[in-house]
Amino acid sequence: MGAKSHKKSETCACPPRAQRSCQIAGMHLADLLQRQFAEPETSWAIGTFGAIAEFHRNVDEPVAPSASGAVTARGDIDLCIDAAVHAVAWERLSSGDSWTHGIALCLTKDASAMSRRTTITEIGPDAGALRDENNSEVLFDLGIGAPHCDFYVRTADAVLLRALRSAVGCSVLQSRLLGEIAAMSPTRGPQGMIPCAAIFPASAVHDAHGRQKPFDSAKHETFQTLFSMYGDPTCIRAKHETIAAVRATKTPTDVLSYTRALRLVRRVALRQLAHTDGSSPALTAWRAAFDRSA
């Protein structure tokens, strides 16, 4: 399946002095995307509650990467990025004494506003298809009605076209189309969301199917670099404080000002230290104090 994310073209609204930093951030983000499109173990997701498109590819699968996307025989993805897009790297706890991570590409509420159609609507030929042979396929807005997301399917299949056209003007939930759409797997095209897309770089502890694997230090360091660039500054600071305290063999001490989010960051840091630094009395004491559920 293919996924495309588009938003309205905008000029930078920052003061003149800040516009240069916006341009630099945009260049950094474009480089991040290009690197992740070229990485076979990176996965992508675009969507909202009840409607989602994902892009994955196998390590040995042929791909044509570009600055804004990637094309494979099984599906395509294309992201249009400008200075309004804000990348946020995150880490969170997962089962099995582990953690997950990703990068959310976010837009403000105003910047992400879309058509907000609430019924199935035929748009016409998909002139913006990534592959020329798909330009004549017909695009339908499924009318999800999300304020920040338009979700489309595109097809040339005569059976599905008849089903979609007979449901134009109806809610997708009333139309009974969800089963047919899932079974035939046409191209999905969600657009402009908060977050507008999610990047899942290769994990140090999970394989492409989410199964636990031996710790990969290189992949861990790669994401830690991304986290230091795109993570929330307060989360980065809390993580560094935790790591430094454990390595200095300090007595476990709570920080009363820590929010729930920062406490979760501390737990992730402690789980990662078990892999990067190995077991130690200090780490055991810190995990007993703050990561008991592990």
C-alpha atoms as a PDB file:
ATOM      1  CA  MET A   1       0.000   0.000   0.000  1.00  0.00           C
ATOM      2  CA  GLY A   2       1.152   3.533  -0.602  1.00  0.00           C
ATOM      3  CA  ALA A   3       0.920   6.544   1.668  1.00  0.00           C
ATOM      4  CA  LYS A   4       1.157  10.207   0.847  1.00  0.00           C
ATOM      5  CA  SER A   5       1.147  13.118   3.272  1.00  0.00           C
ATOM      6  CA  HIS A   6       0.593  16.617   1.910  1.00  0.00           C
ATOM      7  CA  LYS A   7      -0.188  19.988   3.457  1.00  0.00           C
ATOM      8  CA  LYS A   8      -0.914  23.442   2.152  1.00  0.00           C
ATOM      9  CA  SER A   9       2.100  25.454   1.027  1.00  0.00           C
ATOM     10  CA  GLU A  10       3.022  28.144   3.554  1.00  0.00           C
ATOM     11  CA  THR A  11       5.669  30.798   4.025  1.00  0.00           C
ATOM     12  CA  CYS A  12       7.603  30.939   7.265  1.00  0.00           C
ATOM     13  CA  ALA A  13       5.797  33.128   9.817  1.00  0.00           C
ATOM     14  CA  CYS A  14       8.846  33.518  12.060  1.00  0.00           C
ATOM     15  CA  PRO A  15      10.448  36.945  12.668  1.00  0.00           C
ATOM     16  CA  PRO A  16      13.298  37.691  10.208  1.00  0.00           C
ATOM     17  CA  ARG A  17      15.952  36.871  12.797  1.00  0.00           C
ATOM     18  CA  ALA A  18      14.407  33.448  13.398  1.00  0.00           C
ATOM     19  CA  GLN A  19      13.777  32.550   9.772  1.00  0.00           C
ATOM     20  CA  ARG A  20      17.366  31.389   9.240  1.00  0.00           C
ATOM     21  CA  SER A  21      17.096  28.918  12.141  1.00  0.00           C
ATOM     22  CA  CYS A  22      13.820  27.616  10.666  1.00  0.00           C
ATOM     23  CA  GLN A  23      15.562  27.066   7.331  1.00  0.00           C
ATOM     24  CA  ILE A  24      18.433  25.236   9.030  1.00  0.00           C
ATOM     25  CA  ALA A  25      15.961  23.039  10.947  1.00  0.00           C
ATOM     26  CA  GLY A  26      14.199  22.285   7.680  1.00  0.00           C
ATOM     27  CA  MET A  27      17.465  21.223   6.056  1.00  0.00           C
ATOM     28  CA  HIS A  28      18.277  18.983   9.031  1.00  0.00           C
ATOM     29  CA  LEU A  29      14.817  17.436   8.843  1.00  0.00           C
ATOM     30  CA  ALA A  30      15.127  16.801   5.108  1.00  0.00           C
ATOM     31  CA  ASP A  31      18.432  15.029   5.752  1.00  0.00           C
ATOM     32  CA  LEU A  32      16.819  12.950   8.505  1.00  0.00           C
ATOM     33  CA  LEU A  33      14.002  11.859   6.196  1.00  0.00           C
ATOM     34  CA  GLN A  34      16.341  11.011   3.325  1.00  0.00           C
ATOM     35  CA  ARG A  35      18.484   8.857   5.603  1.00  0.00           C
ATOM     36  CA  GLN A  36      15.455   7.065   7.044  1.00  0.00           C
ATOM     37  CA  PHE A  37      13.908   6.440   3.615  1.00  0.00           C
ATOM     38  CA  ALA A  38      17.152   4.715   2.634  1.00  0.00           C
ATOM     39  CA  GLU A  39      17.153   2.560   5.783  1.00  0.00           C
ATOM     40  CA  PRO A  40      15.271  -0.731   5.178  1.00  0.00           C
ATOM     41  CA  GLU A  41      14.607  -1.359   8.875  1.00  0.00           C
ATOM     42  CA  THR A  42      12.781   1.948   9.345  1.00  0.00           C
ATOM     43  CA  SER A  43       8.979   1.788   9.344  1.00  0.00           C
ATOM     44  CA  TRP A  44       6.476   4.608   8.803  1.00  0.00           C
ATOM     45  CA  ALA A  45       2.869   5.186   9.843  1.00  0.00           C
ATOM     46  CA  ILE A  46       0.355   7.828   8.829  1.00  0.00           C
ATOM     47  CA  GLY A  47      -3.210   8.062  10.063  1.00  0.00           C
ATOM     48  CA  THR A  48      -5.707   8.740  12.811  1.00  0.00           C
ATOM     49  CA  PHE A  49      -8.044   6.708  15.025  1.00  0.00           C
ATOM     50  CA  GLY A  50      -9.836   4.206  12.823  1.00  0.00           C
ATOM     51  CA  ALA A  51      -7.732   4.851   9.711  1.00  0.00           C
ATOM     52  CA  ILE A  52      -4.035   4.170   9.281  1.00  0.00           C
ATOM     53  CA  ALA A  53      -1.530   3.456   6.522  1.00  0.00           C
ATOM     54  CA  GLU A  54       1.870   1.912   7.159  1.00  0.00           C
ATOM     55  CA  PHE A  55       4.987   1.588   5.031  1.00  0.00           C
ATOM     56  CA  HIS A  56       7.489  -1.218   5.577  1.00  0.00           C
ATOM     57  CA  ARG A  57       9.977  -2.938   3.323  1.00  0.00           C
ATOM     58  CA  ASN A  58      12.235  -5.934   3.556  1.00  0.00           C
ATOM     59  CA  VAL A  59      16.004  -5.614   3.778  1.00  0.00           C
ATOM     60  CA  ASP A  60      16.471  -7.216   0.339  1.00  0.00           C
ATOM     61  CA  GLU A  61      13.499  -5.470  -1.305  1.00  0.00           C
ATOM     62  CA  PRO A  62      14.332  -3.176  -4.276  1.00  0.00           C
ATOM     63  CA  VAL A  63      13.550   0.474  -3.536  1.00  0.00           C
ATOM     64  CA  ALA A  64      13.832   3.809  -5.303  1.00  0.00           C
ATOM     65  CA  PRO A  65      14.424   6.354  -2.503  1.00  0.00           C
ATOM     66  CA  SER A  66      14.104  10.079  -3.082  1.00  0.00           C
ATOM     67  CA  ALA A  67      14.454  13.201  -0.947  1.00  0.00           C
ATOM     68  CA  SER A  68      10.751  13.040  -0.035  1.00  0.00           C
ATOM     69  CA  GLY A  69       9.845   9.373  -0.179  1.00  0.00           C
ATOM     70  CA  ALA A  70      10.424   5.879  -1.455  1.00  0.00           C
ATOM     71  CA  VAL A  71       8.843   3.650  -4.105  1.00  0.00           C
ATOM     72  CA  THR A  72       8.732  -0.152  -4.052  1.00  0.00           C
ATOM     73  CA  ALA A  73       6.787  -2.718  -6.035  1.00  0.00           C
ATOM     74  CA  ARG A  74       4.460  -3.238  -3.063  1.00  0.00           C
ATOM     75  CA  GLY A  75       3.827   0.402  -2.142  1.00  0.00           C
ATOM     76  CA  ASP A  76       5.034   3.980  -1.988  1.00  0.00           C
ATOM     77  CA  ILE A  77       5.389   6.797   0.519  1.00  0.00           C
ATOM     78  CA  ASP A  78       5.863  10.530  -0.053  1.00  0.00           C
ATOM     79  CA  LEU A  79       6.084  13.298   2.557  1.00  0.00           C
ATOM     80  CA  CYS A  80       6.003  17.009   1.756  1.00  0.00           C
ATOM     81  CA  ILE A  81       7.941  18.801   4.496  1.00  0.00           C
ATOM     82  CA  ASP A  82       8.446  22.518   5.125  1.00  0.00           C
ATOM     83  CA  ALA A  83       9.508  24.747   8.037  1.00  0.00           C
ATOM     84  CA  ALA A  84       6.127  24.304   9.780  1.00  0.00           C
ATOM     85  CA  VAL A  85       6.876  20.633  10.512  1.00  0.00           C
ATOM     86  CA  HIS A  86       8.316  19.907  13.948  1.00  0.00           C
ATOM     87  CA  ALA A  87      10.042  16.586  14.663  1.00  0.00           C
ATOM     88  CA  VAL A  88       9.773  15.110  18.169  1.00  0.00           C
ATOM     89  CA  ALA A  89      11.782  12.019  19.115  1.00  0.00           C
ATOM     90  CA  TRP A  90      10.404   9.865  21.920  1.00  0.00           C
ATOM     91  CA  GLU A  91      11.126   6.737  23.903  1.00  0.00           C
ATOM     92  CA  ARG A  92       8.604   4.801  25.981  1.00  0.00           C
ATOM     93  CA  LEU A  93       8.393   1.645  28.037  1.00  0.00           C
ATOM     94  CA  SER A  94       7.333  -1.671  26.567  1.00  0.00           C
ATOM     95  CA  SER A  95       6.837  -5.169  27.913  1.00  0.00           C
ATOM     96  CA  GLY A  96       9.635  -7.579  28.593  1.00  0.00           C
ATOM     97  CA  ASP A  97      11.882  -5.132  30.447  1.00  0.00           C
ATOM     98  CA  SER A  98      12.237  -3.219  27.190  1.00  0.00           C
ATOM     99  CA  TRP A  99      11.378   0.035  25.424  1.00  0.00           C
ATOM    100  CA  THR A 100      10.294   1.394  22.048  1.00  0.00           C
ATOM    101  CA  HIS A 101      11.121   4.602  20.215  1.00  0.00           C
ATOM    102  CA  GLY A 102      10.100   6.765  17.292  1.00  0.00           C
ATOM    103  CA  ILE A 103       9.964  10.255  15.818  1.00  0.00           C
ATOM    104  CA  ALA A 104       6.676  12.126  15.382  1.00  0.00           C
ATOM    105  CA  LEU A 105       6.425  14.708  12.580  1.00  0.00           C
ATOM    106  CA  CYS A 106       4.025  17.298  13.957  1.00  0.00           C
ATOM    107  CA  LEU A 107       2.094  20.328  12.720  1.00  0.00           C
ATOM    108  CA  THR A 108       0.122  22.958  14.614  1.00  0.00           C
ATOM    109  CA  LYS A 109      -3.669  22.724  14.607  1.00  0.00           C
ATOM    110  CA  ASP A 110      -3.995  25.538  12.072  1.00  0.00           C
ATOM    111  CA  ALA A 111      -1.215  24.301   9.802  1.00  0.00           C
ATOM    112  CA  SER A 112      -2.665  20.799   9.683  1.00  0.00           C
ATOM    113  CA  ALA A 113      -6.292  21.738   8.954  1.00  0.00           C
ATOM    114  CA  MET A 114      -7.698  19.613   6.126  1.00  0.00           C
ATOM    115  CA  SER A 115     -11.025  19.292   4.271  1.00  0.00           C
ATOM    116  CA  ARG A 116     -12.884  17.573   7.149  1.00  0.00           C
ATOM    117  CA  ARG A 117     -15.299  15.764   4.837  1.00  0.00           C
ATOM    118  CA  THR A 118     -17.658  13.473   6.728  1.00  0.00           C
ATOM    119  CA  THR A 119     -18.993  11.389   3.846  1.00  0.00           C
ATOM    120  CA  ILE A 120     -17.411   9.311   1.067  1.00  0.00           C
ATOM    121  CA  THR A 121     -16.534  11.685  -1.779  1.00  0.00           C
ATOM    122  CA  GLU A 122     -15.199  10.904  -5.254  1.00  0.00           C
ATOM    123  CA  ILE A 123     -12.270  13.229  -5.977  1.00  0.00           C
ATOM    124  CA  GLY A 124     -11.374  12.039  -9.494  1.00  0.00           C
ATOM    125  CA  PRO A 125      -8.171  10.781 -11.139  1.00  0.00           C
ATOM    126  CA  ASP A 126      -5.124  10.873  -8.864  1.00  0.00           C
ATOM    127  CA  ALA A 127      -3.003  13.303 -10.861  1.00  0.00           C
ATOM    128  CA  GLY A 128      -0.481  13.438  -7.999  1.00  0.00           C
ATOM    129  CA  ALA A 129       0.282   9.704  -7.930  1.00  0.00           C
ATOM    130  CA  LEU A 130       3.935   8.848  -7.383  1.00  0.00           C
ATOM    131  CA  ARG A 131       3.919   6.497 -10.374  1.00  0.00           C
ATOM    132  CA  ASP A 132       2.606   7.630 -13.760  1.00  0.00           C
ATOM    133  CA  GLU A 133       0.700   4.386 -14.297  1.00  0.00           C
ATOM    134  CA  ASN A 134      -1.495   5.231 -11.297  1.00  0.00           C
ATOM    135  CA  ASN A 135      -2.518   8.708 -12.492  1.00  0.00           C
ATOM    136  CA  SER A 136      -5.762   7.450 -14.042  1.00  0.00           C
ATOM    137  CA  GLU A 137      -6.871   5.550 -10.926  1.00  0.00           C
ATOM    138  CA  VAL A 138      -9.783   7.148  -9.098  1.00  0.00           C
ATOM    139  CA  LEU A 139      -9.293   8.793  -5.699  1.00  0.00           C
ATOM    140  CA  PHE A 140     -11.994   8.701  -3.005  1.00  0.00           C
ATOM    141  CA  ASP A 141     -12.006  10.612   0.287  1.00  0.00           C
ATOM    142  CA  LEU A 142     -13.405   8.189   2.889  1.00  0.00           C
ATOM    143  CA  GLY A 143     -14.873  11.070   4.901  1.00  0.00           C
ATOM    144  CA  ILE A 144     -13.248  10.216   8.228  1.00  0.00           C
ATOM    145  CA  GLY A 145     -13.980  13.799   9.354  1.00  0.00           C
ATOM    146  CA  ALA A 146     -10.816  14.281  11.409  1.00  0.00           C
ATOM    147  CA  PRO A 147      -9.850  17.964  11.679  1.00  0.00           C
ATOM    148  CA  HIS A 148      -6.232  17.233  10.778  1.00  0.00           C
ATOM    149  CA  CYS A 149      -6.435  14.283   8.404  1.00  0.00           C
ATOM    150  CA  ASP A 150      -7.972  13.409   5.027  1.00  0.00           C
ATOM    151  CA  PHE A 151      -7.880   9.669   4.386  1.00  0.00           C
ATOM    152  CA  TYR A 152      -8.143   8.435   0.789  1.00  0.00           C
ATOM    153  CA  VAL A 153      -8.220   5.198  -1.154  1.00  0.00           C
ATOM    154  CA  ARG A 154      -7.300   4.972  -4.829  1.00  0.00           C
ATOM    155  CA  THR A 155      -8.363   2.172  -7.159  1.00  0.00           C
ATOM    156  CA  ALA A 156      -8.972   1.110 -10.748  1.00  0.00           C
ATOM    157  CA  ASP A 157     -10.711  -2.128  -9.720  1.00  0.00           C
ATOM    158  CA  ALA A 158     -14.187  -2.179 -11.278  1.00  0.00           C
ATOM    159  CA  VAL A 159     -15.821  -3.999  -8.350  1.00  0.00           C
ATOM    160  CA  LEU A 160     -14.428  -1.649  -5.712  1.00  0.00           C
ATOM    161  CA  LEU A 161     -15.195   1.396  -7.886  1.00  0.00           C
ATOM    162  CA  ARG A 162     -18.859   0.369  -8.056  1.00  0.00           C
ATOM    163  CA  ALA A 163     -18.962  -0.170  -4.301  1.00  0.00           C
ATOM    164  CA  LEU A 164     -17.341   3.199  -3.574  1.00  0.00           C
ATOM    165  CA  ARG A 165     -19.533   5.106  -6.020  1.00  0.00           C
ATOM    166  CA  SER A 166     -22.688   3.540  -4.622  1.00  0.00           C
ATOM    167  CA  ALA A 167     -21.632   4.763  -1.162  1.00  0.00           C
ATOM    168  CA  VAL A 168     -20.816   8.379  -2.152  1.00  0.00           C
ATOM    169  CA  GLY A 169     -22.547  10.732   0.281  1.00  0.00           C
ATOM    170  CA  CYS A 170     -22.664   8.130   3.066  1.00  0.00           C
ATOM    171  CA  SER A 171     -20.523   7.736   6.142  1.00  0.00           C
ATOM    172  CA  VAL A 172     -17.877   5.068   5.662  1.00  0.00           C
ATOM    173  CA  LEU A 173     -19.210   3.339   8.790  1.00  0.00           C
ATOM    174  CA  GLN A 174     -22.725   3.215   7.322  1.00  0.00           C
ATOM    175  CA  SER A 175     -21.524   2.007   3.939  1.00  0.00           C
ATOM    176  CA  ARG A 176     -20.179  -1.406   5.069  1.00  0.00           C
ATOM    177  CA  LEU A 177     -17.145  -0.683   2.911  1.00  0.00           C
ATOM    178  CA  LEU A 178     -14.492  -1.152   5.566  1.00  0.00           C
ATOM    179  CA  GLY A 179     -14.395  -4.922   5.093  1.00  0.00           C
ATOM    180  CA  GLU A 180     -14.182  -4.667   1.304  1.00  0.00           C
ATOM    181  CA  ILE A 181     -11.491  -1.998   1.440  1.00  0.00           C
ATOM    182  CA  ALA A 182      -9.377  -4.028   3.877  1.00  0.00           C
ATOM    183  CA  ALA A 183      -9.764  -7.200   1.808  1.00  0.00           C
ATOM    184  CA  MET A 184      -8.788  -5.561  -1.502  1.00  0.00           C
ATOM    185  CA  SER A 185      -6.070  -3.373   0.054  1.00  0.00           C
ATOM    186  CA  PRO A 186      -6.212  -0.378  -2.319  1.00  0.00           C
ATOM    187  CA  THR A 187      -3.728   2.461  -2.010  1.00  0.00           C
ATOM    188  CA  ARG A 188      -4.341   4.608   1.053  1.00  0.00           C
ATOM    189  CA  GLY A 189      -3.405   8.310   1.085  1.00  0.00           C
ATOM    190  CA  PRO A 190      -3.857  10.025   4.524  1.00  0.00           C
ATOM    191  CA  GLN A 191      -2.848  13.684   4.623  1.00  0.00           C
ATOM    192  CA  GLY A 192      -1.621  16.417   7.008  1.00  0.00           C
ATOM    193  CA  MET A 193      -1.892  15.184  10.603  1.00  0.00           C
ATOM    194  CA  ILE A 194      -0.904  16.085  14.144  1.00  0.00           C
ATOM    195  CA  PRO A 195       1.324  14.145  14.287  1.00  0.00           C
ATOM    196  CA  CYS A 196       1.325  14.063  10.523  1.00  0.00           C
ATOM    197  CA  ALA A 197       3.519  10.961  10.348  1.00  0.00           C
ATOM    198  CA  ALA A 198       5.461   8.628  12.602  1.00  0.00           C
ATOM    199  CA  ILE A 199       8.956   7.316  11.891  1.00  0.00           C
ATOM    200  CA  PHE A 200      10.100   4.137  13.614  1.00  0.00           C
ATOM    201  CA  PRO A 201      13.877   3.799  13.135  1.00  0.00           C
ATOM    202  CA  ALA A 202      15.524   0.419  13.622  1.00  0.00           C
ATOM    203  CA  SER A 203      15.337  -0.765  17.218  1.00  0.00           C
ATOM    204  CA  ALA A 204      18.240  -1.943  19.329  1.00  0.00           C
ATOM    205  CA  VAL A 205      16.106  -4.564  21.091  1.00  0.00           C
ATOM    206  CA  HIS A 206      13.283  -5.537  18.681  1.00  0.00           C
ATOM    207  CA  ASP A 207      13.332  -6.965  15.165  1.00  0.00           C
ATOM    208  CA  ALA A 208      11.104  -5.799  12.308  1.00  0.00           C
ATOM    209  CA  HIS A 209       8.229  -7.917  13.688  1.00  0.00           C
ATOM    210  CA  GLY A 210       8.471  -6.510  17.199  1.00  0.00           C
ATOM    211  CA  ARG A 211      10.118  -9.610  18.642  1.00  0.00           C
ATOM    212  CA  GLN A 212      12.915  -9.162  21.162  1.00  0.00           C
ATOM    213  CA  LYS A 213      16.449  -9.717  19.893  1.00  0.00           C
ATOM    214  CA  PRO A 214      19.990  -9.405  21.301  1.00  0.00           C
ATOM    215  CA  PHE A 215      20.962  -5.818  22.081  1.00  0.00           C
ATOM    216  CA  ASP A 216      22.419  -3.947  19.087  1.00  0.00           C
ATOM    217  CA  SER A 217      24.679  -1.201  20.422  1.00  0.00           C
ATOM    218  CA  ALA A 218      25.146   0.474  17.035  1.00  0.00           C
ATOM    219  CA  LYS A 219      21.397   0.876  16.496  1.00  0.00           C
ATOM    220  CA  HIS A 220      21.044   2.121  20.060  1.00  0.00           C
ATOM    221  CA  GLU A 221      23.683   4.808  19.553  1.00  0.00           C
ATOM    222  CA  THR A 222      22.121   5.823  16.236  1.00  0.00           C
ATOM    223  CA  PHE A 223      18.773   6.552  17.849  1.00  0.00           C
ATOM    224  CA  GLN A 224      20.370   8.233  20.863  1.00  0.00           C
ATOM    225  CA  THR A 225      21.896  10.734  18.437  1.00  0.00           C
ATOM    226  CA  LEU A 226      18.435  11.373  16.962  1.00  0.00           C
ATOM    227  CA  PHE A 227      16.939  11.636  20.447  1.00  0.00           C
ATOM    228  CA  SER A 228      19.530  14.255  21.423  1.00  0.00           C
ATOM    229  CA  MET A 229      18.646  16.260  18.289  1.00  0.00           C
ATOM    230  CA  TYR A 230      14.847  15.956  18.310  1.00  0.00           C
ATOM    231  CA  GLY A 231      13.855  14.914  21.834  1.00  0.00           C
ATOM    232  CA  ASP A 232      12.125  17.185  24.314  1.00  0.00           C
ATOM    233  CA  PRO A 233      14.869  19.152  26.143  1.00  0.00           C
ATOM    234  CA  THR A 234      13.443  18.396  29.597  1.00  0.00           C
ATOM    235  CA  CYS A 235      13.314  14.676  28.785  1.00  0.00           C
ATOM    236  CA  ILE A 236      16.879  14.735  27.482  1.00  0.00           C
ATOM    237  CA  ARG A 237      18.029  16.489  30.656  1.00  0.00           C
ATOM    238  CA  ALA A 238      16.227  13.991  32.926  1.00  0.00           C
ATOM    239  CA  LYS A 239      17.770  11.098  31.046  1.00  0.00           C
ATOM    240  CA  HIS A 240      21.272  12.530  31.311  1.00  0.00           C
ATOM    241  CA  GLU A 241      20.765  13.216  35.030  1.00  0.00           C
ATOM    242  CA  THR A 242      19.719   9.608  35.629  1.00  0.00           C
ATOM    243  CA  ILE A 243      22.609   8.113  33.678  1.00  0.00           C
ATOM    244  CA  ALA A 244      25.138  10.377  35.383  1.00  0.00           C
ATOM    245  CA  ALA A 245      23.794   9.565  38.859  1.00  0.00           C
ATOM    246  CA  VAL A 246      23.945   5.808  38.317  1.00  0.00           C
ATOM    247  CA  ARG A 247      27.434   5.947  36.858  1.00  0.00           C
ATOM    248  CA  ALA A 248      28.555   8.070  39.809  1.00  0.00           C
ATOM    249  CA  THR A 249      27.062   5.388  42.142  1.00  0.00           C
ATOM    250  CA  LYS A 250      24.837   7.961  43.852  1.00  0.00           C
ATOM    251  CA  THR A 251      22.084   6.846  46.190  1.00  0.00           C
ATOM    252  CA  PRO A 252      18.713   6.661  44.388  1.00  0.00           C
ATOM    253  CA  THR A 253      16.933   9.940  45.027  1.00  0.00           C
ATOM    254  CA  ASP A 254      13.615  11.038  43.599  1.00  0.00           C
ATOM    255  CA  VAL A 255      13.248  14.445  41.948  1.00  0.00           C
ATOM    256  CA  LEU A 256      10.009  15.922  43.223  1.00  0.00           C
ATOM    257  CA  SER A 257       9.695  18.233  40.230  1.00  0.00           C
ATOM    258  CA  TYR A 258       9.673  15.308  37.782  1.00  0.00           C
ATOM    259  CA  THR A 259       6.429  14.913  35.883  1.00  0.00           C
ATOM    260  CA  ARG A 260       5.004  11.515  34.944  1.00  0.00           C
ATOM    261  CA  ALA A 261       6.695  11.855  31.555  1.00  0.00           C
ATOM    262  CA  LEU A 262      10.087  12.481  33.142  1.00  0.00           C
ATOM    263  CA  ARG A 263       9.668   9.529  35.498  1.00  0.00           C
ATOM    264  CA  LEU A 264       9.003   7.324  32.477  1.00  0.00           C
ATOM    265  CA  VAL A 265      12.129   8.715  30.783  1.00  0.00           C
ATOM    266  CA  ARG A 266      14.108   7.808  33.897  1.00  0.00           C
ATOM    267  CA  ARG A 267      12.820   4.227  33.723  1.00  0.00           C
ATOM    268  CA  VAL A 268      13.773   3.952  30.051  1.00  0.00           C
ATOM    269  CA  ALA A 269      17.271   5.217  30.881  1.00  0.00           C
ATOM    270  CA  LEU A 270      17.658   2.586  33.615  1.00  0.00           C
ATOM    271  CA  ARG A 271      16.604  -0.224  31.257  1.00  0.00           C
ATOM    272  CA  GLN A 272      19.044   0.981  28.631  1.00  0.00           C
ATOM    273  CA  LEU A 273      21.878   1.166  31.156  1.00  0.00           C
ATOM    274  CA  ALA A 274      21.421  -2.547  31.848  1.00  0.00           C
ATOM    275  CA  HIS A 275      22.473  -3.133  28.235  1.00  0.00           C
ATOM    276  CA  THR A 276      25.085  -0.416  27.740  1.00  0.00           C
ATOM    277  CA  ASP A 277      26.808  -0.609  31.132  1.00  0.00           C
ATOM    278  CA  GLY A 278      25.853  -4.027  32.466  1.00  0.00           C
ATOM    279  CA  SER A 279      24.750  -4.958  35.956  1.00  0.00           C
ATOM    280  CA  SER A 280      26.065  -3.059  38.971  1.00  0.00           C
ATOM    281  CA  PRO A 281      24.992  -2.523  42.602  1.00  0.00           C
ATOM    282  CA  ALA A 282      24.127   1.088  41.795  1.00  0.00           C
ATOM    283  CA  LEU A 283      21.939   0.171  38.837  1.00  0.00           C
ATOM    284  CA  THR A 284      20.233  -2.559  40.845  1.00  0.00           C
ATOM    285  CA  ALA A 285      19.415  -0.043  43.583  1.00  0.00           C
ATOM    286  CA  TRP A 286      18.090   2.535  41.113  1.00  0.00           C
ATOM    287  CA  ARG A 287      15.918   0.000  39.317  1.00  0.00           C
ATOM    288  CA  ALA A 288      14.575  -1.281  42.630  1.00  0.00           C
ATOM    289  CA  ALA A 289      13.626   2.282  43.506  1.00  0.00           C
ATOM    290  CA  PHE A 290      12.179   3.482  40.221  1.00  0.00           C
ATOM    291  CA  ASP A 291      11.592   0.554  37.837  1.00  0.00           C
ATOM    292  CA  ARG A 292      10.207  -2.163  40.090  1.00  0.00           C
ATOM    293  CA  SER A 293       7.554  -3.330  37.586  1.00  0.00           C
ATOM    294  CA  ALA A 294      10.304  -4.434  35.197  1.00  0.00           C
END
